[in-house]
């Protein structure tokens, strides 16, 4: 099975610049999670979205790279039946003329 979570959007402290450390900015996340499905071990997509948002609010990462790795760690710990995980974090408002994103794909 594959869970697709697209355009999960919320405001969070993330970034290196002084203003990014003081004021929350919009981030947009897209995720794909392939997992081994069994009735007793399904992955609740609402829980995944909430867990990711809580992790980013708690940690207030400076780098998108650190945020990606932190999200991976918390999801893999909670859901050991994940076999592949993709995440993309975008900061749509950081530059005026583009959307900046970072992504990673893990095969577990």
Protein backbone atom coordinates (compact mmCIF):
# COMPACT_ATOMS: atom_id res chain seq x y z
CA UNK A 1 0.00 0.00 0.00
CA UNK A 2 1.06 3.59 -0.54
CA UNK A 3 -0.12 6.58 1.46
CA UNK A 4 0.03 9.91 -0.39
CA UNK A 5 -0.08 13.09 1.67
CA UNK A 6 0.04 16.13 -0.57
CA UNK A 7 0.40 19.80 0.31
CA UNK A 8 0.30 19.42 4.09
CA UNK A 9 0.63 23.12 4.91
CA UNK A 10 1.35 24.88 8.19
CA UNK A 11 3.52 27.62 9.70
CA UNK A 12 6.67 26.70 11.60
CA UNK A 13 10.02 28.09 12.71
CA UNK A 14 12.56 26.66 10.25
CA UNK A 15 15.67 28.20 8.73
CA UNK A 16 19.01 29.83 9.46
CA UNK A 17 18.27 33.51 8.88
CA UNK A 18 17.48 35.76 11.85
CA UNK A 19 13.94 36.50 10.70
CA UNK A 20 13.31 32.76 10.13
CA UNK A 21 14.23 32.05 13.76
CA UNK A 22 11.77 34.69 15.02
CA UNK A 23 8.73 34.38 12.79
CA UNK A 24 7.01 31.19 11.66
CA UNK A 25 6.82 30.71 7.91
CA UNK A 26 4.68 28.52 5.70
CA UNK A 27 6.00 25.09 4.76
CA UNK A 28 4.36 22.63 2.40
CA UNK A 29 5.06 18.90 2.69
CA UNK A 30 4.41 16.06 0.28
CA UNK A 31 4.95 12.48 1.41
CA UNK A 32 4.64 8.98 0.02
CA UNK A 33 4.83 6.02 2.35
CA UNK A 34 4.94 2.46 1.01
CA UNK A 35 4.24 -0.12 3.69
CA UNK A 36 3.33 -3.72 4.25
CA UNK A 37 -0.39 -3.73 4.94
CA UNK A 38 -1.99 -6.03 7.45
CA UNK A 39 -5.31 -5.38 9.15
CA UNK A 40 -3.65 -5.09 12.53
CA UNK A 41 -0.75 -2.94 11.26
CA UNK A 42 -2.21 -0.26 9.02
CA UNK A 43 -0.82 3.28 9.04
CA UNK A 44 -3.29 6.02 9.88
CA UNK A 45 -2.58 8.92 7.51
CA UNK A 46 -4.15 11.46 9.89
CA UNK A 47 -1.73 10.35 12.61
CA UNK A 48 1.19 10.67 10.18
CA UNK A 49 0.23 14.25 9.28
CA UNK A 50 -0.16 15.21 12.93
CA UNK A 51 3.09 13.53 13.97
CA UNK A 52 5.05 15.36 11.25
CA UNK A 53 3.56 18.72 12.13
CA UNK A 54 4.21 18.21 15.86
CA UNK A 55 7.83 17.16 15.17
CA UNK A 56 8.55 20.29 13.12
CA UNK A 57 6.90 22.57 15.68
CA UNK A 58 8.86 20.98 18.52
CA UNK A 59 12.32 20.91 16.94
CA UNK A 60 12.39 24.27 15.10
CA UNK A 61 15.07 23.02 12.72
CA UNK A 62 17.61 25.35 11.15
CA UNK A 63 18.18 23.21 8.04
CA UNK A 64 15.67 21.47 5.80
CA UNK A 65 18.11 18.55 5.69
CA UNK A 66 17.82 18.13 9.47
CA UNK A 67 14.04 18.38 9.26
CA UNK A 68 13.88 15.62 6.64
CA UNK A 69 16.04 13.31 8.75
CA UNK A 70 14.06 14.09 11.91
CA UNK A 71 10.76 13.29 10.22
CA UNK A 72 12.16 10.06 8.79
CA UNK A 73 13.41 9.00 12.23
CA UNK A 74 10.12 9.61 14.04
CA UNK A 75 8.03 7.86 11.37
CA UNK A 76 10.31 4.83 11.04
CA UNK A 77 10.35 4.44 14.82
CA UNK A 78 6.56 4.56 15.03
CA UNK A 79 5.84 2.50 11.91
CA UNK A 80 8.37 -0.31 11.43
CA UNK A 81 6.29 -1.72 8.54
CA UNK A 82 7.35 1.18 6.26
CA UNK A 83 9.36 -0.13 3.32
CA UNK A 84 9.82 3.11 1.33
CA UNK A 85 9.46 6.71 2.35
CA UNK A 86 9.57 9.91 0.28
CA UNK A 87 9.27 13.42 1.68
CA UNK A 88 9.52 16.85 0.13
CA UNK A 89 9.54 20.05 2.18
CA UNK A 90 8.92 23.34 0.38
CA UNK A 91 9.28 26.90 1.61
CA UNK A 92 7.06 28.80 -0.84
CA UNK A 93 7.60 32.27 0.60
CA UNK A 94 11.35 32.41 1.35
CA UNK A 95 12.32 33.79 -2.09
CA UNK A 96 10.15 36.10 -4.17
CA UNK A 97 10.63 34.46 -7.54
CA UNK A 98 10.55 30.74 -6.74
CA UNK A 99 9.59 27.97 -4.35
CA UNK A 100 12.53 26.34 -2.57
CA UNK A 101 12.25 22.62 -1.79
CA UNK A 102 14.32 19.73 -0.52
CA UNK A 103 13.39 16.07 -0.87
CA UNK A 104 14.68 12.60 -0.08
CA UNK A 105 13.62 9.06 -0.87
CA UNK A 106 14.53 6.12 1.40
CA UNK A 107 14.18 2.44 0.60
CA UNK A 108 14.13 0.49 3.84
